[in-house]
Structures are given as structure tokens and as C-alpha cells.
């Protein structure tokens, strides 16, 4: 939650208020935050400091990639070089990715290719 607020609304004092609320809850309830999944020393982490600024480089790259029309690998292989059999299409695609002839973007286990790089 802290990361999202730092990214969306960097000037917010929400994180300080959240820490105060959590610590107040612990005092009133007697339930340790560790019991709710907070690791020991969580409030000492860099992300909870007052002037925390996340490194947004990777997230900006992802935002830009998300604006590009992409096709998943299974969908691409349906039409990619139809003169080849399935194994031949996969081998060619693997070769092109390895030699940077085609861009590949992976999210989890799903492979995406910008449509402009495979047409």
C-alpha cells in the first residue's frame, strides 16, 4: 500500500498516518503486528520513511510497454510463418528473440510480443 501511494500521490502523509494507526491498534488490542503478517522491524524499512521516493524506472517501462499492442506467444504461433510446421515456427521465434530480431516481454509465465515486431 505504501508503494502505491508513493507512486500515485507522492505528497501524501498517508504512510505516517497508517503507521500511527497500526501502532495505536497494537497498543489497544494487544495483538502484535507479527500475528497479522507484518515482519519484525517492518516500520524501520526504507519504504516507510517520511521522504521515501520509489525508483519508478521499471514501472515507467512497464507502463510504456502496456501501451503497445502485443500478442501472446500461443496466438502469434497460429499465424507466424504458416509455411513452417509448429516446431519450425517455435524454433524461428526462439532464434529471432535470441538474436534480438523480435522483442519479447514476459509477465509471469506469459510471453508477449509487440505486434509491430512480428508483422
PDB file of N, CA and C in Angstrom:
ATOM      1  N   UNK A   1       0.834  -1.186   0.000  1.00  0.00           N
ATOM      2  CA  UNK A   1       0.000   0.000   0.000  1.00  0.00           C
ATOM      3  C   UNK A   1       0.875   1.244   0.000  1.00  0.00           C
ATOM      4  N   UNK A   2       1.953   1.191   0.756  1.00  0.00           N
ATOM      5  CA  UNK A   2       2.838   2.356   0.824  1.00  0.00           C
ATOM      6  C   UNK A   2       3.432   2.655  -0.542  1.00  0.00           C
ATOM      7  N   UNK A   3       3.854   1.627  -1.253  1.00  0.00           N
ATOM      8  CA  UNK A   3       4.445   1.839  -2.568  1.00  0.00           C
ATOM      9  C   UNK A   3       3.440   2.489  -3.509  1.00  0.00           C
ATOM     10  N   UNK A   4       2.194   1.995  -3.493  1.00  0.00           N
ATOM     11  CA  UNK A   4       1.181   2.558  -4.383  1.00  0.00           C
ATOM     12  C   UNK A   4       0.933   4.031  -4.092  1.00  0.00           C
ATOM     13  N   UNK A   5       0.822   4.382  -2.834  1.00  0.00           N
ATOM     14  CA  UNK A   5       0.610   5.788  -2.502  1.00  0.00           C
ATOM     15  C   UNK A   5       1.811   6.640  -2.890  1.00  0.00           C
ATOM     16  N   UNK A   6       3.013   6.120  -2.688  1.00  0.00           N
ATOM     17  CA  UNK A   6       4.210   6.878  -3.056  1.00  0.00           C
ATOM     18  C   UNK A   6       4.259   7.103  -4.556  1.00  0.00           C
ATOM     19  N   UNK A   7       3.716   6.166  -5.303  1.00  0.00           N
ATOM     20  CA  UNK A   7       3.717   6.287  -6.760  1.00  0.00           C
ATOM     21  C   UNK A   7       2.581   7.179  -7.247  1.00  0.00           C
ATOM     22  N   UNK A   8       1.397   6.999  -6.704  1.00  0.00           N
ATOM     23  CA  UNK A   8       0.215   7.717  -7.172  1.00  0.00           C
ATOM     24  C   UNK A   8       0.118   9.113  -6.588  1.00  0.00           C
ATOM     25  N   UNK A   9       0.415   9.249  -5.307  1.00  0.00           N
ATOM     26  CA  UNK A   9       0.243  10.525  -4.608  1.00  0.00           C
ATOM     27  C   UNK A   9       1.444  10.754  -3.696  1.00  0.00           C
ATOM     28  N   UNK A  10       2.597  11.114  -4.287  1.00  0.00           N
ATOM     29  CA  UNK A  10       3.835  11.190  -3.515  1.00  0.00           C
ATOM     30  C   UNK A  10       3.806  12.179  -2.355  1.00  0.00           C
ATOM     31  N   UNK A  11       3.018  13.225  -2.415  1.00  0.00           N
ATOM     32  CA  UNK A  11       2.995  14.220  -1.350  1.00  0.00           C
ATOM     33  C   UNK A  11       2.127  13.843  -0.169  1.00  0.00           C
ATOM     34  N   UNK A  12       1.497  12.702  -0.227  1.00  0.00           N
ATOM     35  CA  UNK A  12       0.566  12.278   0.816  1.00  0.00           C
ATOM     36  C   UNK A  12       1.282  11.933   2.117  1.00  0.00           C
ATOM     37  N   UNK A  13       0.636  12.248   3.230  1.00  0.00           N
ATOM     38  CA  UNK A  13       1.174  11.863   4.540  1.00  0.00           C
ATOM     39  C   UNK A  13       0.520  10.560   5.009  1.00  0.00           C
ATOM     40  N   UNK A  14      -0.129   9.891   4.100  1.00  0.00           N
ATOM     41  CA  UNK A  14      -0.869   8.678   4.414  1.00  0.00           C
ATOM     42  C   UNK A  14      -0.014   7.645   5.130  1.00  0.00           C
ATOM     43  N   UNK A  15       1.231   7.461   4.689  1.00  0.00           N
ATOM     44  CA  UNK A  15       2.050   6.401   5.291  1.00  0.00           C
ATOM     45  C   UNK A  15       2.319   6.680   6.762  1.00  0.00           C
ATOM     46  N   UNK A  16       2.538   7.939   7.107  1.00  0.00           N
ATOM     47  CA  UNK A  16       2.760   8.291   8.512  1.00  0.00           C
ATOM     48  C   UNK A  16       1.495   8.026   9.326  1.00  0.00           C
ATOM     49  N   UNK A  17       0.353   8.389   8.756  1.00  0.00           N
ATOM     50  CA  UNK A  17      -0.922   8.151   9.440  1.00  0.00           C
ATOM     51  C   UNK A  17      -1.166   6.653   9.606  1.00  0.00           C
ATOM     52  N   UNK A  18      -0.808   5.879   8.573  1.00  0.00           N
ATOM     53  CA  UNK A  18      -1.002   4.432   8.620  1.00  0.00           C
ATOM     54  C   UNK A  18      -0.143   3.808   9.719  1.00  0.00           C
ATOM     55  N   UNK A  19       1.111   4.229   9.823  1.00  0.00           N
ATOM     56  CA  UNK A  19       1.993   3.707  10.873  1.00  0.00           C
ATOM     57  C   UNK A  19       1.410   4.038  12.241  1.00  0.00           C
ATOM     58  N   UNK A  20       0.947   5.269  12.422  1.00  0.00           N
ATOM     59  CA  UNK A  20       0.347   5.668  13.702  1.00  0.00           C
ATOM     60  C   UNK A  20      -0.889   4.831  14.021  1.00  0.00           C
ATOM     61  N   UNK A  21      -1.734   4.607  13.021  1.00  0.00           N
ATOM     62  CA  UNK A  21      -2.938   3.788  13.228  1.00  0.00           C
ATOM     63  C   UNK A  21      -2.574   2.355  13.614  1.00  0.00           C
ATOM     64  N   UNK A  22      -1.604   1.792  12.922  1.00  0.00           N
ATOM     65  CA  UNK A  22      -1.196   0.418  13.223  1.00  0.00           C
ATOM     66  C   UNK A  22      -0.619   0.301  14.631  1.00  0.00           C
ATOM     67  N   UNK A  23       0.243   1.243  14.988  1.00  0.00           N
ATOM     68  CA  UNK A  23       0.835   1.196  16.322  1.00  0.00           C
ATOM     69  C   UNK A  23      -0.218   1.428  17.405  1.00  0.00           C
ATOM     70  N   UNK A  24      -1.179   2.285  17.129  1.00  0.00           N
ATOM     71  CA  UNK A  24      -2.274   2.526  18.064  1.00  0.00           C
ATOM     72  C   UNK A  24      -3.118   1.257  18.230  1.00  0.00           C
ATOM     73  N   UNK A  25      -3.377   0.575  17.128  1.00  0.00           N
ATOM     74  CA  UNK A  25      -4.147  -0.664  17.170  1.00  0.00           C
ATOM     75  C   UNK A  25      -3.456  -1.699  18.060  1.00  0.00           C
ATOM     76  N   UNK A  26      -2.135  -1.820  17.896  1.00  0.00           N
ATOM     77  CA  UNK A  26      -1.373  -2.785  18.698  1.00  0.00           C
ATOM     78  C   UNK A  26      -1.489  -2.455  20.176  1.00  0.00           C
ATOM     79  N   UNK A  27      -1.366  -1.180  20.511  1.00  0.00           N
ATOM     80  CA  UNK A  27      -1.458  -0.786  21.926  1.00  0.00           C
ATOM     81  C   UNK A  27      -2.839  -1.097  22.501  1.00  0.00           C
ATOM     82  N   UNK A  28      -3.894  -0.813  21.729  1.00  0.00           N
ATOM     83  CA  UNK A  28      -5.252  -1.020  22.228  1.00  0.00           C
ATOM     84  C   UNK A  28      -5.651  -2.484  22.256  1.00  0.00           C
ATOM     85  N   UNK A  29      -5.274  -3.228  21.232  1.00  0.00           N
ATOM     86  CA  UNK A  29      -5.744  -4.613  21.119  1.00  0.00           C
ATOM     87  C   UNK A  29      -4.823  -5.622  21.791  1.00  0.00           C
ATOM     88  N   UNK A  30      -3.553  -5.286  21.880  1.00  0.00           N
ATOM     89  CA  UNK A  30      -2.595  -6.245  22.411  1.00  0.00           C
ATOM     90  C   UNK A  30      -2.187  -7.306  21.401  1.00  0.00           C
ATOM     91  N   UNK A  31      -2.702  -7.212  20.188  1.00  0.00           N
ATOM     92  CA  UNK A  31      -2.355  -8.174  19.135  1.00  0.00           C
ATOM     93  C   UNK A  31      -1.096  -7.668  18.428  1.00  0.00           C
ATOM     94  N   UNK A  32      -0.035  -8.439  18.435  1.00  0.00           N
ATOM     95  CA  UNK A  32       1.187  -7.987  17.764  1.00  0.00           C
ATOM     96  C   UNK A  32       1.014  -8.006  16.243  1.00  0.00           C
ATOM     97  N   UNK A  33       1.630  -7.050  15.585  1.00  0.00           N
ATOM     98  CA  UNK A  33       1.521  -6.988  14.127  1.00  0.00           C
ATOM     99  C   UNK A  33       2.135  -8.210  13.457  1.00  0.00           C
ATOM    100  N   UNK A  34       3.087  -8.834  14.113  1.00  0.00           N
ATOM    101  CA  UNK A  34       3.680 -10.063  13.573  1.00  0.00           C
ATOM    102  C   UNK A  34       2.592 -11.118  13.378  1.00  0.00           C
ATOM    103  N   UNK A  35       1.604 -11.136  14.271  1.00  0.00           N
ATOM    104  CA  UNK A  35       0.499 -12.098  14.170  1.00  0.00           C
ATOM    105  C   UNK A  35      -0.367 -11.825  12.947  1.00  0.00           C
ATOM    106  N   UNK A  36      -0.281 -10.600  12.414  1.00  0.00           N
ATOM    107  CA  UNK A  36      -1.069 -10.246  11.229  1.00  0.00           C
ATOM    108  C   UNK A  36      -0.222 -10.264   9.958  1.00  0.00           C
ATOM    109  N   UNK A  37       0.982 -10.819  10.057  1.00  0.00           N
ATOM    110  CA  UNK A  37       1.808 -10.971   8.866  1.00  0.00           C
ATOM    111  C   UNK A  37       2.864  -9.902   8.661  1.00  0.00           C
ATOM    112  N   UNK A  38       2.932  -8.910   9.548  1.00  0.00           N
ATOM    113  CA  UNK A  38       3.974  -7.893   9.423  1.00  0.00           C
ATOM    114  C   UNK A  38       5.285  -8.482   9.931  1.00  0.00           C
ATOM    115  N   UNK A  39       6.366  -8.377   9.148  1.00  0.00           N
ATOM    116  CA  UNK A  39       7.643  -8.910   9.630  1.00  0.00           C
ATOM    117  C   UNK A  39       8.219  -8.042  10.740  1.00  0.00           C
ATOM    118  N   UNK A  40       9.072  -8.617  11.564  1.00  0.00           N
ATOM    119  CA  UNK A  40       9.753  -7.874  12.620  1.00  0.00           C
ATOM    120  C   UNK A  40      10.473  -6.691  11.984  1.00  0.00           C
ATOM    121  N   UNK A  41      10.342  -5.526  12.571  1.00  0.00           N
ATOM    122  CA  UNK A  41      11.048  -4.335  12.096  1.00  0.00           C
ATOM    123  C   UNK A  41      10.504  -3.735  10.811  1.00  0.00           C
ATOM    124  N   UNK A  42       9.271  -4.082  10.442  1.00  0.00           N
ATOM    125  CA  UNK A  42       8.694  -3.582   9.192  1.00  0.00           C
ATOM    126  C   UNK A  42       8.704  -2.062   9.130  1.00  0.00           C
ATOM    127  N   UNK A  43       8.454  -1.403  10.276  1.00  0.00           N
ATOM    128  CA  UNK A  43       8.355   0.059  10.282  1.00  0.00           C
ATOM    129  C   UNK A  43       9.717   0.743  10.175  1.00  0.00           C
ATOM    130  N   UNK A  44      10.793  -0.038  10.213  1.00  0.00           N
ATOM    131  CA  UNK A  44      12.147   0.502  10.045  1.00  0.00           C
ATOM    132  C   UNK A  44      12.579   0.471   8.579  1.00  0.00           C
ATOM    133  N   UNK A  45      11.812  -0.195   7.745  1.00  0.00           N
ATOM    134  CA  UNK A  45      12.175  -0.342   6.336  1.00  0.00           C
ATOM    135  C   UNK A  45      12.144   1.005   5.621  1.00  0.00           C
ATOM    136  N   UNK A  46      13.009   1.135   4.612  1.00  0.00           N
ATOM    137  CA  UNK A  46      13.135   2.361   3.824  1.00  0.00           C
ATOM    138  C   UNK A  46      11.782   2.844   3.289  1.00  0.00           C
ATOM    139  N   UNK A  47      10.962   1.921   2.861  1.00  0.00           N
ATOM    140  CA  UNK A  47       9.690   2.290   2.231  1.00  0.00           C
ATOM    141  C   UNK A  47       8.775   3.076   3.172  1.00  0.00           C
ATOM    142  N   UNK A  48       8.928   2.928   4.480  1.00  0.00           N
ATOM    143  CA  UNK A  48       8.056   3.614   5.431  1.00  0.00           C
ATOM    144  C   UNK A  48       8.632   4.943   5.918  1.00  0.00           C
ATOM    145  N   UNK A  49       9.795   5.315   5.430  1.00  0.00           N
ATOM    146  CA  UNK A  49      10.392   6.588   5.860  1.00  0.00           C
ATOM    147  C   UNK A  49       9.634   7.757   5.255  1.00  0.00           C
ATOM    148  N   UNK A  50       9.678   8.876   5.958  1.00  0.00           N
ATOM    149  CA  UNK A  50       8.900  10.058   5.594  1.00  0.00           C
ATOM    150  C   UNK A  50       9.127  10.513   4.153  1.00  0.00           C
ATOM    151  N   UNK A  51      10.362  10.602   3.715  1.00  0.00           N
ATOM    152  CA  UNK A  51      10.661  11.127   2.377  1.00  0.00           C
ATOM    153  C   UNK A  51      10.948  10.033   1.357  1.00  0.00           C
ATOM    154  N   UNK A  52      10.351   8.876   1.559  1.00  0.00           N
ATOM    155  CA  UNK A  52      10.571   7.757   0.640  1.00  0.00           C
ATOM    156  C   UNK A  52      10.104   8.123  -0.762  1.00  0.00           C
ATOM    157  N   UNK A  53      10.965   7.850  -1.738  1.00  0.00           N
ATOM    158  CA  UNK A  53      10.601   8.020  -3.142  1.00  0.00           C
ATOM    159  C   UNK A  53      10.962   6.725  -3.855  1.00  0.00           C
ATOM    160  N   UNK A  54       9.981   6.056  -4.414  1.00  0.00           N
ATOM    161  CA  UNK A  54      10.277   4.787  -5.080  1.00  0.00           C
ATOM    162  C   UNK A  54      11.055   5.012  -6.366  1.00  0.00           C
ATOM    163  N   UNK A  55      11.858   4.022  -6.744  1.00  0.00           N
ATOM    164  CA  UNK A  55      12.540   4.046  -8.032  1.00  0.00           C
ATOM    165  C   UNK A  55      11.506   3.586  -9.058  1.00  0.00           C
ATOM    166  N   UNK A  56      11.042   4.513  -9.839  1.00  0.00           N
ATOM    167  CA  UNK A  56       9.935   4.214 -10.751  1.00  0.00           C
ATOM    168  C   UNK A  56      10.392   3.803 -12.148  1.00  0.00           C
ATOM    169  N   UNK A  57      11.690   3.670 -12.368  1.00  0.00           N
ATOM    170  CA  UNK A  57      12.172   3.364 -13.715  1.00  0.00           C
ATOM    171  C   UNK A  57      11.503   2.119 -14.296  1.00  0.00           C
ATOM    172  N   UNK A  58      11.564   0.996 -13.561  1.00  0.00           N
ATOM    173  CA  UNK A  58      10.981  -0.247 -14.071  1.00  0.00           C
ATOM    174  C   UNK A  58       9.479  -0.115 -14.286  1.00  0.00           C
ATOM    175  N   UNK A  59       8.821   0.617 -13.414  1.00  0.00           N
ATOM    176  CA  UNK A  59       7.371   0.764 -13.526  1.00  0.00           C
ATOM    177  C   UNK A  59       6.992   1.663 -14.693  1.00  0.00           C
ATOM    178  N   UNK A  60       7.827   2.659 -14.992  1.00  0.00           N
ATOM    179  CA  UNK A  60       7.582   3.504 -16.165  1.00  0.00           C
ATOM    180  C   UNK A  60       7.763   2.693 -17.440  1.00  0.00           C
ATOM    181  N   UNK A  61       8.772   1.834 -17.452  1.00  0.00           N
ATOM    182  CA  UNK A  61       8.986   0.965 -18.609  1.00  0.00           C
ATOM    183  C   UNK A  61       7.761   0.081 -18.812  1.00  0.00           C
ATOM    184  N   UNK A  62       7.266  -0.522 -17.732  1.00  0.00           N
ATOM    185  CA  UNK A  62       6.084  -1.380 -17.827  1.00  0.00           C
ATOM    186  C   UNK A  62       4.879  -0.579 -18.306  1.00  0.00           C
ATOM    187  N   UNK A  63       4.710   0.650 -17.807  1.00  0.00           N
ATOM    188  CA  UNK A  63       3.607   1.492 -18.265  1.00  0.00           C
ATOM    189  C   UNK A  63       3.687   1.725 -19.767  1.00  0.00           C
ATOM    190  N   UNK A  64       4.897   1.965 -20.272  1.00  0.00           N
ATOM    191  CA  UNK A  64       5.054   2.186 -21.713  1.00  0.00           C
ATOM    192  C   UNK A  64       4.777   0.908 -22.496  1.00  0.00           C
ATOM    193  N   UNK A  65       5.267  -0.203 -21.985  1.00  0.00           N
ATOM    194  CA  UNK A  65       5.035  -1.479 -22.658  1.00  0.00           C
ATOM    195  C   UNK A  65       3.543  -1.780 -22.704  1.00  0.00           C
ATOM    196  N   UNK A  66       2.836  -1.453 -21.636  1.00  0.00           N
ATOM    197  CA  UNK A  66       1.397  -1.719 -21.594  1.00  0.00           C
ATOM    198  C   UNK A  66       0.619  -0.897 -22.604  1.00  0.00           C
ATOM    199  N   UNK A  67       1.230   0.139 -23.164  1.00  0.00           N
ATOM    200  CA  UNK A  67       0.564   0.965 -24.167  1.00  0.00           C
ATOM    201  C   UNK A  67       0.806   0.445 -25.581  1.00  0.00           C
ATOM    202  N   UNK A  68       1.647  -0.571 -25.706  1.00  0.00           N
ATOM    203  CA  UNK A  68       1.972  -1.144 -27.011  1.00  0.00           C
ATOM    204  C   UNK A  68       1.064  -2.343 -27.258  1.00  0.00           C
ATOM    205  N   UNK A  69       0.547  -2.431 -28.467  1.00  0.00           N
ATOM    206  CA  UNK A  69      -0.287  -3.585 -28.806  1.00  0.00           C
ATOM    207  C   UNK A  69       0.595  -4.834 -28.876  1.00  0.00           C
ATOM    208  N   UNK A  70       0.235  -5.837 -28.097  1.00  0.00           N
ATOM    209  CA  UNK A  70       1.032  -7.068 -28.023  1.00  0.00           C
ATOM    210  C   UNK A  70       0.173  -8.279 -28.349  1.00  0.00           C
ATOM    211  N   UNK A  71       0.854  -9.359 -28.656  1.00  0.00           N
ATOM    212  CA  UNK A  71       0.194 -10.629 -28.929  1.00  0.00           C
ATOM    213  C   UNK A  71       0.894 -11.700 -28.085  1.00  0.00           C
ATOM    214  N   UNK A  72       0.126 -12.630 -27.553  1.00  0.00           N
ATOM    215  CA  UNK A  72       0.734 -13.696 -26.753  1.00  0.00           C
ATOM    216  C   UNK A  72       1.405 -14.709 -27.680  1.00  0.00           C
ATOM    217  N   UNK A  73       2.324 -15.473 -27.131  1.00  0.00           N
ATOM    218  CA  UNK A  73       3.044 -16.442 -27.950  1.00  0.00           C
ATOM    219  C   UNK A  73       2.115 -17.475 -28.586  1.00  0.00           C
ATOM    220  N   UNK A  74       1.174 -18.074 -27.837  1.00  0.00           N
ATOM    221  CA  UNK A  74       0.293 -19.056 -28.489  1.00  0.00           C
ATOM    222  C   UNK A  74      -0.494 -18.456 -29.658  1.00  0.00           C
ATOM    223  N   UNK A  75      -0.982 -17.230 -29.482  1.00  0.00           N
ATOM    224  CA  UNK A  75      -1.751 -16.575 -30.550  1.00  0.00           C
ATOM    225  C   UNK A  75      -0.840 -16.260 -31.737  1.00  0.00           C
ATOM    226  N   UNK A  76       0.364 -15.794 -31.446  1.00  0.00           N
ATOM    227  CA  UNK A  76       1.320 -15.477 -32.506  1.00  0.00           C
ATOM    228  C   UNK A  76       1.654 -16.718 -33.323  1.00  0.00           C
ATOM    229  N   UNK A  77       1.868 -17.837 -32.652  1.00  0.00           N
ATOM    230  CA  UNK A  77       2.272 -19.056 -33.350  1.00  0.00           C
ATOM    231  C   UNK A  77       1.184 -19.597 -34.279  1.00  0.00           C
ATOM    232  N   UNK A  78      -0.056 -19.139 -34.105  1.00  0.00           N
ATOM    233  CA  UNK A  78      -1.140 -19.569 -35.004  1.00  0.00           C
ATOM    234  C   UNK A  78      -0.933 -19.029 -36.413  1.00  0.00           C
ATOM    235  N   UNK A  79      -0.310 -17.844 -36.531  1.00  0.00           N
ATOM    236  CA  UNK A  79      -0.197 -17.193 -37.845  1.00  0.00           C
ATOM    237  C   UNK A  79       1.239 -16.890 -38.263  1.00  0.00           C
ATOM    238  N   UNK A  80       2.190 -17.060 -37.376  1.00  0.00           N
ATOM    239  CA  UNK A  80       3.593 -16.731 -37.636  1.00  0.00           C
ATOM    240  C   UNK A  80       4.196 -17.743 -38.606  1.00  0.00           C
ATOM    241  N   UNK A  81       4.641 -17.296 -39.766  1.00  0.00           N
ATOM    242  CA  UNK A  81       5.257 -18.143 -40.799  1.00  0.00           C
ATOM    243  C   UNK A  81       4.475 -19.446 -40.995  1.00  0.00           C
ATOM    244  N   UNK A  82       3.284 -19.328 -41.569  1.00  0.00           N
ATOM    245  CA  UNK A  82       2.414 -20.502 -41.718  1.00  0.00           C
ATOM    246  C   UNK A  82       3.002 -21.604 -42.602  1.00  0.00           C
ATOM    247  N   UNK A  83       4.025 -21.266 -43.397  1.00  0.00           N
ATOM    248  CA  UNK A  83       4.638 -22.287 -44.258  1.00  0.00           C
ATOM    249  C   UNK A  83       5.461 -23.299 -43.449  1.00  0.00           C
ATOM    250  N   UNK A  84       5.740 -22.979 -42.193  1.00  0.00           N
ATOM    251  CA  UNK A  84       6.523 -23.874 -41.330  1.00  0.00           C
ATOM    252  C   UNK A  84       5.584 -24.678 -40.427  1.00  0.00           C
ATOM    253  N   UNK A  85       6.051 -25.836 -39.992  1.00  0.00           N
ATOM    254  CA  UNK A  85       5.266 -26.588 -39.011  1.00  0.00           C
ATOM    255  C   UNK A  85       5.441 -25.927 -37.638  1.00  0.00           C
ATOM    256  N   UNK A  86       4.705 -26.418 -36.634  1.00  0.00           N
ATOM    257  CA  UNK A  86       4.714 -25.770 -35.315  1.00  0.00           C
ATOM    258  C   UNK A  86       6.122 -25.706 -34.720  1.00  0.00           C
ATOM    259  N   UNK A  87       6.846 -26.796 -34.810  1.00  0.00           N
ATOM    260  CA  UNK A  87       8.212 -26.814 -34.264  1.00  0.00           C
ATOM    261  C   UNK A  87       9.095 -25.798 -34.992  1.00  0.00           C
ATOM    262  N   UNK A  88       8.949 -25.718 -36.294  1.00  0.00           N
ATOM    263  CA  UNK A  88       9.730 -24.764 -37.087  1.00  0.00           C
ATOM    264  C   UNK A  88       9.409 -23.326 -36.714  1.00  0.00           C
ATOM    265  N   UNK A  89       8.120 -23.041 -36.461  1.00  0.00           N
ATOM    266  CA  UNK A  89       7.723 -21.684 -36.044  1.00  0.00           C
ATOM    267  C   UNK A  89       8.332 -21.349 -34.686  1.00  0.00           C
ATOM    268  N   UNK A  90       8.278 -22.305 -33.750  1.00  0.00           N
ATOM    269  CA  UNK A  90       8.851 -22.076 -32.418  1.00  0.00           C
ATOM    270  C   UNK A  90      10.364 -21.876 -32.497  1.00  0.00           C
ATOM    271  N   UNK A  91      11.029 -22.707 -33.309  1.00  0.00           N
ATOM    272  CA  UNK A  91      12.483 -22.576 -33.458  1.00  0.00           C
ATOM    273  C   UNK A  91      12.850 -21.218 -34.042  1.00  0.00           C
ATOM    274  N   UNK A  92      12.127 -20.785 -35.067  1.00  0.00           N
ATOM    275  CA  UNK A  92      12.402 -19.487 -35.685  1.00  0.00           C
ATOM    276  C   UNK A  92      12.158 -18.358 -34.693  1.00  0.00           C
ATOM    277  N   UNK A  93      11.073 -18.432 -33.967  1.00  0.00           N
ATOM    278  CA  UNK A  93      10.760 -17.394 -32.984  1.00  0.00           C
ATOM    279  C   UNK A  93      11.839 -17.344 -31.901  1.00  0.00           C
ATOM    280  N   UNK A  94      12.255 -18.496 -31.422  1.00  0.00           N
ATOM    281  CA  UNK A  94      13.322 -18.566 -30.414  1.00  0.00           C
ATOM    282  C   UNK A  94      14.617 -17.951 -30.958  1.00  0.00           C
ATOM    283  N   UNK A  95      14.936 -18.268 -32.215  1.00  0.00           N
ATOM    284  CA  UNK A  95      16.138 -17.721 -32.854  1.00  0.00           C
ATOM    285  C   UNK A  95      16.049 -16.197 -32.953  1.00  0.00           C
ATOM    286  N   UNK A  96      14.907 -15.692 -33.385  1.00  0.00           N
ATOM    287  CA  UNK A  96      14.735 -14.243 -33.535  1.00  0.00           C
ATOM    288  C   UNK A  96      14.819 -13.519 -32.195  1.00  0.00           C
ATOM    289  N   UNK A  97      14.248 -14.102 -31.155  1.00  0.00           N
ATOM    290  CA  UNK A  97      14.323 -13.491 -29.821  1.00  0.00           C
ATOM    291  C   UNK A  97      15.775 -13.482 -29.343  1.00  0.00           C
ATOM    292  N   UNK A  98      16.449 -14.615 -29.485  1.00  0.00           N
ATOM    293  CA  UNK A  98      17.845 -14.733 -29.033  1.00  0.00           C
ATOM    294  C   UNK A  98      18.742 -13.712 -29.725  1.00  0.00           C
ATOM    295  N   UNK A  99      18.501 -13.463 -31.003  1.00  0.00           N
ATOM    296  CA  UNK A  99      19.334 -12.547 -31.786  1.00  0.00           C
ATOM    297  C   UNK A  99      18.739 -11.148 -31.885  1.00  0.00           C
ATOM    298  N   UNK A 100      17.759 -10.886 -31.032  1.00  0.00           N
ATOM    299  CA  UNK A 100      17.131  -9.567 -30.906  1.00  0.00           C
ATOM    300  C   UNK A 100      16.469  -9.084 -32.200  1.00  0.00           C
ATOM    301  N   UNK A 101      15.963 -10.048 -32.962  1.00  0.00           N
ATOM    302  CA  UNK A 101      15.210  -9.708 -34.163  1.00  0.00           C
ATOM    303  C   UNK A 101      13.738  -9.482 -33.861  1.00  0.00           C
ATOM    304  N   UNK A 102      13.305  -9.935 -32.693  1.00  0.00           N
ATOM    305  CA  UNK A 102      11.928  -9.772 -32.235  1.00  0.00           C
ATOM    306  C   UNK A 102      11.989  -9.436 -30.750  1.00  0.00           C
ATOM    307  N   UNK A 103      11.154  -8.505 -30.341  1.00  0.00           N
ATOM    308  CA  UNK A 103      11.099  -8.131 -28.931  1.00  0.00           C
ATOM    309  C   UNK A 103      10.215  -9.108 -28.168  1.00  0.00           C
ATOM    310  N   UNK A 104      10.629  -9.432 -26.974  1.00  0.00           N
ATOM    311  CA  UNK A 104       9.862 -10.320 -26.104  1.00  0.00           C
ATOM    312  C   UNK A 104       9.693  -9.636 -24.763  1.00  0.00           C
ATOM    313  N   UNK A 105       8.471  -9.661 -24.260  1.00  0.00           N
ATOM    314  CA  UNK A 105       8.157  -9.096 -22.942  1.00  0.00           C
ATOM    315  C   UNK A 105       7.435 -10.187 -22.171  1.00  0.00           C
ATOM    316  N   UNK A 106       7.967 -10.545 -20.999  1.00  0.00           N
ATOM    317  CA  UNK A 106       7.348 -11.593 -20.191  1.00  0.00           C
ATOM    318  C   UNK A 106       6.731 -11.008 -18.935  1.00  0.00           C
ATOM    319  N   UNK A 107       5.496 -11.403 -18.660  1.00  0.00           N
ATOM    320  CA  UNK A 107       4.827 -11.068 -17.412  1.00  0.00           C
ATOM    321  C   UNK A 107       4.416 -12.393 -16.799  1.00  0.00           C
ATOM    322  N   UNK A 108       5.077 -12.745 -15.703  1.00  0.00           N
ATOM    323  CA  UNK A 108       4.837 -14.070 -15.143  1.00  0.00           C
ATOM    324  C   UNK A 108       5.336 -15.104 -16.129  1.00  0.00           C
ATOM    325  N   UNK A 109       4.498 -16.054 -16.453  1.00  0.00           N
ATOM    326  CA  UNK A 109       4.891 -17.094 -17.404  1.00  0.00           C
ATOM    327  C   UNK A 109       4.382 -16.810 -18.811  1.00  0.00           C
ATOM    328  N   UNK A 110       3.673 -15.701 -19.001  1.00  0.00           N
ATOM    329  CA  UNK A 110       3.119 -15.368 -20.303  1.00  0.00           C
ATOM    330  C   UNK A 110       4.111 -14.544 -21.102  1.00  0.00           C
ATOM    331  N   UNK A 111       4.315 -14.938 -22.348  1.00  0.00           N
ATOM    332  CA  UNK A 111       5.230 -14.222 -23.240  1.00  0.00           C
ATOM    333  C   UNK A 111       4.406 -13.361 -24.193  1.00  0.00           C
ATOM    334  N   UNK A 112       4.806 -12.089 -24.290  1.00  0.00           N
ATOM    335  CA  UNK A 112       4.136 -11.147 -25.174  1.00  0.00           C
ATOM    336  C   UNK A 112       5.130 -10.615 -26.194  1.00  0.00           C
ATOM    337  N   UNK A 113       4.643 -10.401 -27.401  1.00  0.00           N
ATOM    338  CA  UNK A 113       5.456  -9.830 -28.459  1.00  0.00           C
ATOM    339  C   UNK A 113       4.729  -8.603 -28.988  1.00  0.00           C
ATOM    340  N   UNK A 114       5.412  -7.452 -29.091  1.00  0.00           N
ATOM    341  CA  UNK A 114       4.762  -6.293 -29.700  1.00  0.00           C
ATOM    342  C   UNK A 114       4.409  -6.643 -31.146  1.00  0.00           C
ATOM    343  N   UNK A 115       3.190  -6.345 -31.536  1.00  0.00           N
ATOM    344  CA  UNK A 115       2.751  -6.740 -32.876  1.00  0.00           C
ATOM    345  C   UNK A 115       3.594  -6.093 -33.963  1.00  0.00           C
ATOM    346  N   UNK A 116       4.130  -4.889 -33.720  1.00  0.00           N
ATOM    347  CA  UNK A 116       4.942  -4.242 -34.752  1.00  0.00           C
ATOM    348  C   UNK A 116       6.229  -5.018 -35.037  1.00  0.00           C
ATOM    349  N   UNK A 117       6.685  -5.838 -34.097  1.00  0.00           N
ATOM    350  CA  UNK A 117       7.954  -6.543 -34.299  1.00  0.00           C
ATOM    351  C   UNK A 117       7.784  -7.902 -34.973  1.00  0.00           C
ATOM    352  N   UNK A 118       6.549  -8.333 -35.179  1.00  0.00           N
ATOM    353  CA  UNK A 118       6.339  -9.659 -35.766  1.00  0.00           C
ATOM    354  C   UNK A 118       5.480  -9.621 -37.024  1.00  0.00           C
ATOM    355  N   UNK A 119       5.226  -8.442 -37.543  1.00  0.00           N
ATOM    356  CA  UNK A 119       4.388  -8.362 -38.756  1.00  0.00           C
ATOM    357  C   UNK A 119       5.235  -8.322 -39.996  1.00  0.00           C
TER     358      UNK A 119
END
